[in-house]
Protein backbone atom coordinates (compact mmCIF):
# COMPACT_ATOMS: atom_id res chain seq x y z
CA MET A 1 -25.11 8.05 -34.30
CA ASN A 2 -26.38 11.32 -32.92
CA PRO A 3 -23.99 13.95 -35.40
CA HIS A 4 -23.98 16.04 -32.10
CA TYR A 5 -22.53 13.28 -29.65
CA TYR A 6 -18.52 14.64 -29.06
CA GLY A 7 -16.21 13.10 -26.57
CA LEU A 8 -13.31 14.82 -24.90
CA ILE A 9 -10.58 12.27 -22.84
CA LEU A 10 -9.32 13.61 -20.49
CA ALA A 11 -5.59 12.02 -20.35
CA GLY A 12 -2.96 14.55 -18.93
CA GLY A 13 -2.32 12.41 -15.52
CA ARG A 14 1.42 10.34 -14.98
CA GLY A 15 0.02 7.51 -13.22
CA THR A 16 2.60 7.38 -10.44
CA ARG A 17 1.21 4.65 -8.78
CA PHE A 18 2.34 2.50 -11.93
CA TRP A 19 6.06 3.35 -12.08
CA PRO A 20 8.19 2.05 -12.95
CA ARG A 21 6.44 1.11 -15.68
CA SER A 22 4.96 4.32 -15.94
CA ARG A 23 7.15 7.45 -16.72
CA LYS A 24 6.37 11.23 -17.50
CA ARG A 25 6.44 10.20 -21.26
CA SER A 26 5.08 6.80 -21.03
CA ALA A 27 1.87 7.22 -18.32
CA LYS A 28 -0.64 5.03 -17.38
CA GLN A 29 -3.08 6.24 -19.83
CA VAL A 30 -0.66 4.83 -22.45
CA LEU A 31 0.64 1.33 -21.25
CA ASN A 32 -0.98 -2.22 -21.76
CA VAL A 33 -1.22 -3.08 -18.55
CA VAL A 34 -4.69 -4.95 -19.14
CA GLY A 35 -4.78 -6.91 -22.61
CA ASP A 36 -3.33 -6.15 -25.91
CA ARG A 37 -4.06 -2.32 -26.19
CA SER A 38 -3.75 0.64 -23.80
CA LEU A 39 -5.84 2.05 -21.55
CA ILE A 40 -6.62 5.22 -24.01
CA GLN A 41 -7.07 2.59 -27.00
CA ALA A 42 -9.63 0.60 -25.46
CA THR A 43 -11.28 3.54 -24.22
CA VAL A 44 -11.53 4.93 -27.98
CA ASP A 45 -12.65 1.33 -28.90
CA ARG A 46 -15.80 0.75 -26.68
CA LEU A 47 -16.71 4.60 -27.19
CA ALA A 48 -16.68 3.79 -31.18
CA PRO A 49 -19.92 2.54 -31.44
CA VAL A 50 -21.44 5.66 -30.10
CA ILE A 51 -19.11 8.50 -30.55
CA PRO A 52 -16.96 7.68 -33.55
CA PRO A 53 -13.40 8.42 -33.62
CA GLU A 54 -13.52 11.83 -35.69
CA ARG A 55 -15.89 13.31 -33.13
CA LEU A 56 -13.78 12.37 -30.24
CA TRP A 57 -10.76 14.85 -28.46
CA ILE A 58 -7.83 13.92 -26.52
CA LEU A 59 -6.49 16.73 -24.16
CA THR A 60 -3.44 15.51 -22.79
CA ASN A 61 0.39 17.36 -22.32
CA GLU A 62 3.18 17.70 -24.21
CA HIS A 63 5.14 14.49 -22.91
CA LEU A 64 2.22 12.31 -23.99
CA ARG A 65 0.76 13.72 -27.14
CA ALA A 66 3.41 12.52 -29.58
CA THR A 67 2.68 8.81 -28.14
CA ILE A 68 -0.91 9.26 -28.05
CA LEU A 69 -1.17 10.17 -31.55
CA ARG A 70 1.15 7.38 -32.73
CA GLN A 71 -1.28 4.77 -31.06
CA LEU A 72 -4.11 6.66 -32.02
CA PRO A 73 -3.85 7.41 -35.64
CA GLU A 74 -7.87 7.60 -36.41
CA ILE A 75 -8.14 10.50 -34.63
CA PRO A 76 -7.78 13.64 -36.05
CA ARG A 77 -4.22 15.11 -35.17
CA LYS A 78 -5.44 18.35 -34.38
CA GLN A 79 -7.96 16.69 -31.61
CA VAL A 80 -5.27 15.64 -29.96
CA LEU A 81 -4.49 18.48 -27.55
CA ALA A 82 -1.53 19.47 -25.10
CA GLU A 83 -2.30 21.66 -22.78
CA PRO A 84 0.31 24.27 -22.41
CA GLU A 85 0.02 23.98 -18.17
CA GLN A 86 -1.64 21.62 -16.07
CA ARG A 87 -4.74 23.43 -14.41
CA ASN A 88 -7.08 20.86 -13.45
CA THR A 89 -10.11 19.40 -14.86
CA ALA A 90 -12.60 22.36 -14.84
CA PRO A 91 -10.19 24.19 -17.58
CA ALA A 92 -9.90 21.41 -19.83
CA ILE A 93 -13.08 20.77 -20.00
CA GLY A 94 -14.33 24.55 -20.34
CA LEU A 95 -11.56 24.32 -23.12
CA ALA A 96 -13.16 21.91 -24.63
CA ALA A 97 -16.55 23.12 -24.65
CA HIS A 98 -15.87 26.00 -25.93
CA ILE A 99 -13.96 24.84 -28.81
CA LEU A 100 -17.56 22.56 -29.63
CA HIS A 101 -19.96 25.20 -29.43
CA SER A 102 -17.94 26.95 -31.76
CA LEU A 103 -18.07 24.23 -34.33
CA ASP A 104 -21.51 22.74 -33.30
CA PRO A 105 -23.49 25.48 -31.32
CA GLU A 106 -26.06 22.26 -30.45
CA ALA A 107 -22.89 20.42 -29.50
CA VAL A 108 -23.50 17.37 -26.46
CA MET A 109 -20.27 16.57 -25.27
CA GLY A 110 -18.79 13.02 -23.04
CA VAL A 111 -16.26 13.70 -20.51
CA PHE A 112 -14.53 10.03 -20.06
CA PRO A 113 -11.16 9.18 -18.15
CA SER A 114 -8.66 7.62 -20.43
CA ASP A 115 -7.77 5.21 -17.77
CA HIS A 116 -10.18 2.97 -17.12
CA VAL A 117 -11.28 -0.37 -17.52
CA VAL A 118 -15.11 -2.10 -18.68
CA SER A 119 -15.45 -5.42 -19.37
CA LYS A 120 -18.81 -5.27 -20.44
CA PRO A 121 -19.30 -2.52 -23.20
CA SER A 122 -22.29 -3.45 -24.42
CA ALA A 123 -23.59 -2.19 -21.07
CA TYR A 124 -21.70 0.39 -20.56
CA ARG A 125 -22.35 1.42 -24.14
CA ALA A 126 -26.43 1.57 -22.60
CA VAL A 127 -25.41 3.96 -20.19
CA ILE A 128 -23.50 6.08 -22.34
CA ASP A 129 -26.24 6.59 -24.04
CA ALA A 130 -28.37 7.44 -21.25
CA ALA A 131 -26.45 10.20 -20.61
CA LEU A 132 -25.95 11.65 -23.63
CA LYS A 133 -29.88 11.71 -24.32
CA GLY A 134 -30.19 13.40 -20.53
CA ALA A 135 -27.67 16.21 -21.30
CA ALA A 136 -29.30 16.23 -24.62
CA GLY A 137 -32.13 17.69 -22.16
CA ARG A 138 -29.83 20.63 -20.54
CA SER A 139 -28.90 18.74 -17.61
CA LEU A 140 -25.58 18.38 -16.25
CA MET A 141 -25.16 14.54 -16.00
CA VAL A 142 -22.78 12.38 -13.95
CA VAL A 143 -22.54 8.61 -13.88
CA GLY A 144 -22.75 6.92 -10.63
CA ILE A 145 -21.27 3.48 -9.85
CA ALA A 146 -23.12 1.00 -7.59
CA PRO A 147 -20.22 0.45 -4.81
CA ARG A 148 -19.47 -3.36 -4.38
CA TRP A 149 -17.57 -2.65 -1.18
CA PRO A 150 -16.95 0.62 1.31
CA GLU A 151 -14.26 2.15 -0.64
CA THR A 152 -12.87 5.39 0.66
CA GLY A 153 -10.54 6.21 -2.44
CA TYR A 154 -13.55 7.69 -4.23
CA GLY A 155 -16.03 10.56 -3.97
CA TYR A 156 -20.11 9.65 -3.83
CA ILE A 157 -23.06 10.86 -5.34
CA GLU A 158 -26.12 10.55 -2.98
CA PHE A 159 -29.24 9.87 -4.99
CA PRO A 160 -32.81 10.19 -3.72
CA ALA A 161 -33.19 7.27 -1.05
CA GLY A 162 -34.64 4.34 -2.79
CA THR A 163 -32.97 4.46 -5.80
CA GLN A 164 -31.29 1.41 -7.50
CA ALA A 165 -28.70 0.69 -10.20
CA GLY A 166 -30.76 0.34 -13.50
CA ALA A 167 -34.09 0.21 -12.43
CA GLN A 168 -34.74 4.00 -13.54
CA THR A 169 -35.03 4.32 -17.38
CA GLY A 170 -34.04 8.27 -17.25
CA PRO A 171 -32.42 10.83 -14.95
CA VAL A 172 -32.25 10.81 -11.32
CA PRO A 173 -32.09 13.93 -9.32
CA VAL A 174 -28.66 14.24 -7.89
CA GLU A 175 -29.44 15.12 -4.46
CA ARG A 176 -25.37 15.91 -3.27
CA PHE A 177 -21.96 14.78 -3.61
CA HIS A 178 -19.95 13.90 -0.56
CA GLU A 179 -15.99 13.89 -0.69
CA LYS A 180 -13.88 10.06 -0.05
CA PRO A 181 -15.31 9.23 3.10
CA LYS A 182 -12.95 7.39 6.41
CA LEU A 183 -14.68 3.45 6.69
CA PRO A 184 -17.01 3.92 8.94
CA VAL A 185 -19.10 6.15 6.98
CA ALA A 186 -18.44 4.13 3.60
CA THR A 187 -19.74 1.62 4.84
CA GLU A 188 -23.05 3.49 6.58
CA TYR A 189 -23.28 4.58 2.31
CA LEU A 190 -22.78 1.17 1.10
CA ALA A 191 -25.26 0.12 3.28
CA ALA A 192 -27.68 2.77 2.85
CA GLY A 193 -27.87 2.42 -1.26
CA ASN A 194 -28.52 5.47 -2.61
CA PHE A 195 -24.86 6.23 -2.83
CA TYR A 196 -22.69 5.86 -5.48
CA TRP A 197 -18.99 5.76 -6.93
CA ASN A 198 -18.38 8.78 -8.53
CA SER A 199 -16.80 7.88 -11.93
CA GLY A 200 -15.35 10.57 -13.41
CA MET A 201 -17.98 10.53 -16.49
CA PHE A 202 -19.85 13.68 -17.09
CA PHE A 203 -22.41 14.96 -19.93
CA TRP A 204 -23.90 18.02 -20.87
CA ARG A 205 -24.63 20.85 -23.80
CA ALA A 206 -20.88 22.40 -24.54
CA ASP A 207 -23.09 25.46 -24.12
CA VAL A 208 -24.88 24.93 -20.70
CA LEU A 209 -21.83 23.88 -19.17
CA LEU A 210 -20.54 27.33 -20.44
CA GLU A 211 -23.33 29.05 -18.39
CA ASN A 212 -22.12 27.37 -15.61
CA LEU A 213 -18.73 28.08 -15.89
CA ARG A 214 -19.76 32.25 -16.65
CA GLU A 215 -21.55 31.56 -13.24
CA HIS A 216 -19.26 29.57 -11.00
CA LEU A 217 -15.82 30.23 -12.82
CA PRO A 218 -16.40 33.39 -13.71
CA LYS A 219 -12.43 34.18 -14.43
CA THR A 220 -11.73 31.11 -16.17
CA PHE A 221 -15.13 31.76 -18.38
CA ALA A 222 -13.52 34.79 -19.63
CA ALA A 223 -9.57 33.07 -20.33
CA ILE A 224 -11.65 30.36 -22.17
CA SER A 225 -14.05 32.65 -24.40
CA ALA A 226 -11.62 35.35 -25.11
CA LEU A 227 -9.42 33.02 -27.22
CA PRO A 228 -9.90 33.39 -31.06
CA ARG A 229 -11.50 30.64 -33.68
CA PHE A 230 -9.77 26.91 -33.00
CA GLY A 231 -7.51 26.56 -35.92
CA ALA A 232 -7.50 30.53 -36.57
CA ARG A 233 -3.19 30.84 -36.57
CA ASP A 234 -3.01 32.92 -33.27
CA PHE A 235 -4.78 29.91 -31.59
CA ALA A 236 -2.19 27.81 -30.48
CA ALA A 237 -0.58 31.13 -28.88
CA LYS A 238 -3.56 32.77 -27.25
CA LEU A 239 -3.98 29.46 -25.48
CA LYS A 240 -0.47 29.38 -24.21
CA HIS A 241 -1.01 32.55 -22.74
CA ALA A 242 -4.78 31.95 -21.66
CA PHE A 243 -4.30 28.75 -19.82
CA PRO A 244 -2.31 29.09 -16.61
CA LEU A 245 -4.78 32.49 -16.21
CA CYS A 246 -7.44 29.64 -15.21
CA ASP A 247 -8.74 28.80 -11.94
CA ASN A 248 -6.71 25.45 -10.45
CA ILE A 249 -9.97 23.56 -9.60
CA SER A 250 -11.72 20.75 -10.45
CA ILE A 251 -15.04 20.43 -12.36
CA ASP A 252 -16.85 18.44 -9.67
CA TYR A 253 -15.79 21.69 -6.99
CA ALA A 254 -16.28 24.45 -9.57
CA VAL A 255 -19.53 23.36 -11.22
CA LEU A 256 -21.15 20.36 -10.08
CA GLU A 257 -21.62 20.92 -6.09
CA LYS A 258 -23.10 24.30 -7.30
CA ALA A 259 -25.32 23.69 -10.48
CA SER A 260 -28.96 23.28 -9.44
CA ASN A 261 -29.53 21.39 -12.81
CA VAL A 262 -27.56 18.05 -12.42
CA SER A 263 -28.49 14.63 -12.59
CA GLY A 264 -27.24 10.83 -13.00
CA ILE A 265 -27.65 7.30 -13.42
CA PRO A 266 -27.24 5.02 -11.08
CA ALA A 267 -25.67 2.67 -13.61
CA ALA A 268 -25.85 -0.96 -13.60
CA ASP A 269 -23.15 -3.19 -13.15
CA PHE A 270 -21.29 -2.78 -16.56
CA GLY A 271 -17.80 -4.07 -15.06
CA TRP A 272 -15.98 -0.73 -14.00
CA ASN A 273 -12.26 -0.58 -13.00
CA ASP A 274 -10.46 2.62 -12.31
CA VAL A 275 -6.99 0.37 -12.77
CA GLY A 276 -6.36 2.68 -9.34
CA SER A 277 -3.15 0.47 -8.55
CA TRP A 278 -1.15 -2.95 -9.51
CA ASN A 279 -3.16 -4.19 -7.22
CA ALA A 280 -6.10 -3.07 -8.86
CA VAL A 281 -4.55 -4.97 -12.20
CA TYR A 282 -3.76 -7.98 -9.88
CA GLU A 283 -7.47 -8.32 -8.89
CA LEU A 284 -8.12 -8.27 -13.27
CA LEU A 285 -6.14 -10.68 -14.22
CA PRO A 286 -6.27 -14.34 -14.37
CA ARG A 287 -4.38 -15.94 -11.80
CA ASP A 288 -2.81 -19.45 -11.19
CA GLU A 289 -3.85 -22.32 -8.39
CA SER A 290 -1.81 -20.14 -6.15
CA GLY A 291 -2.67 -17.02 -6.91
CA ASN A 292 -0.09 -16.04 -8.51
CA VAL A 293 -0.32 -13.47 -11.50
CA THR A 294 3.32 -14.29 -13.67
CA ALA A 295 4.23 -15.04 -17.05
CA PRO A 296 3.78 -18.55 -18.11
CA ASP A 297 7.51 -19.32 -17.78
CA ALA A 298 7.90 -18.12 -14.52
CA VAL A 299 8.90 -20.27 -11.09
CA CYS A 300 6.35 -20.59 -8.34
CA LEU A 301 7.73 -22.51 -5.48
CA GLU A 302 5.95 -22.18 -1.80
CA ALA A 303 4.67 -18.41 -3.52
CA HIS A 304 1.02 -17.35 -3.17
CA ASN A 305 -1.15 -14.25 -4.17
CA ASN A 306 1.94 -12.20 -5.70
CA PHE A 307 1.75 -10.08 -9.43
CA VAL A 308 5.01 -10.36 -11.31
CA ASP A 309 5.30 -8.11 -14.35
CA ALA A 310 9.55 -7.84 -15.78
CA ARG A 311 8.67 -8.97 -19.86
CA GLY A 312 11.43 -11.03 -21.15
CA LYS A 313 13.17 -12.04 -17.76
CA VAL A 314 12.03 -15.48 -16.26
CA VAL A 315 11.28 -14.66 -12.85
CA ALA A 316 11.41 -16.79 -9.70
CA LEU A 317 9.29 -17.27 -6.98
CA LEU A 318 10.62 -18.89 -3.66
CA GLY A 319 8.77 -18.79 0.01
CA VAL A 320 7.27 -14.92 -0.65
CA ASN A 321 3.24 -13.84 -0.83
CA ASP A 322 1.51 -10.93 -1.63
CA LEU A 323 4.23 -9.59 -3.47
CA ILE A 324 4.33 -7.15 -6.41
CA VAL A 325 7.49 -7.37 -8.61
CA VAL A 326 7.38 -4.76 -11.80
CA ASP A 327 10.53 -4.64 -13.42
CA THR A 328 12.03 -2.51 -16.23
CA PRO A 329 15.59 -1.49 -17.62
CA ASP A 330 15.85 0.74 -14.54
CA ALA A 331 13.99 -0.07 -12.65
CA LEU A 332 12.68 -2.54 -9.97
CA LEU A 333 9.77 -2.17 -7.47
CA VAL A 334 9.35 -4.75 -5.02
CA ALA A 335 6.24 -3.77 -2.67
CA GLY A 336 3.50 -5.16 -0.68
CA ARG A 337 0.12 -5.95 -2.54
CA ASP A 338 -1.76 -4.08 0.72
CA LYS A 339 0.95 -0.78 -0.19
CA ALA A 340 0.39 -0.86 -4.03
CA GLN A 341 -1.59 3.16 -2.85
CA GLN A 342 1.43 4.36 -1.66
CA VAL A 343 4.15 3.64 -4.67
CA GLY A 344 3.83 7.04 -5.98
CA GLU A 345 5.23 7.93 -2.54
CA VAL A 346 8.50 6.48 -4.40
CA LEU A 347 8.47 9.04 -6.93
CA LYS A 348 8.80 11.90 -4.49
CA LEU A 349 11.53 10.27 -3.04
CA LEU A 350 13.51 10.10 -6.57
CA GLU A 351 12.12 13.52 -7.10
CA ALA A 352 13.57 15.01 -3.87
CA ARG A 353 17.06 13.03 -4.63
CA ASN A 354 16.66 14.82 -8.43
CA ARG A 355 16.63 11.58 -10.40
CA HIS A 356 14.24 13.04 -12.81
CA ASP A 357 15.68 9.93 -15.26
CA LEU A 358 13.79 7.70 -13.29
CA LEU A 359 10.73 10.22 -13.39
């Protein structure tokens, strides 16, 4: 293990499409929607051979910090930070870079989502290792996932024509980034072969990232760089004042789309899935002969391709197809699988009705 490698796990989101199991205090990243470990626990597990827990930092919110501390006792408590206010990924990553650079001027950091699934951890770690090595050479590094279908819900990374997944031995220059496309454009990207899904994983030296923030996001850089040394008595109070002054912007818009030294790893398949909805969970889990994902004691008659998460309860399905059923003590979701991406709309209606107890 390189002693200058560090990891930042971003864990501040709510995962609204996983309602009713996902709430402010039990968001998607701390749920065990696939397997026995929560998504954030699985993230730490697969990173451990490359970046040990003592060099991992987690940025979350006040609602989730206590749960994350309970789930991840191997992470030092001081390295699980709660954002004073949600300000998107650029300030969050800038804060971590500032802290890490103050602790280790040679720090190379990887930035990882907390709520993705990886089914081929060895292949994943090979990609991470290559990205960290590229970042040590002062490149801003991204990881592209070879698209398996014309997805309209992801941003895309354009590599040079002829780029092949897993064929390169080192970083490949990024031509440009593309926003989430319409279906005809996504179909063209898939056919072209050099457009990759943006995985949301980033790698850079902490000092290089700070230099780019100084150039491209000066207000945020000024707010963060004025903070006292991490661990100082007044650090938390100063952070609470400074963080809301930062720009509310993603690292993609703030830096990556403007910087000149961006390269990437066009990754071979490592079983990546961003688990973006209940339907994605359905696709990941084993199904019975009728295509249903249910508990072993469920009763299914003339029912096909349904997903049921109703713990501690026998569920009977009769003559229904392509449903999502998620049961909790205070709420029940029944939705068509083709509507899984719209579950977050339910929360907007509940919020409008002041049902904050269900958020």
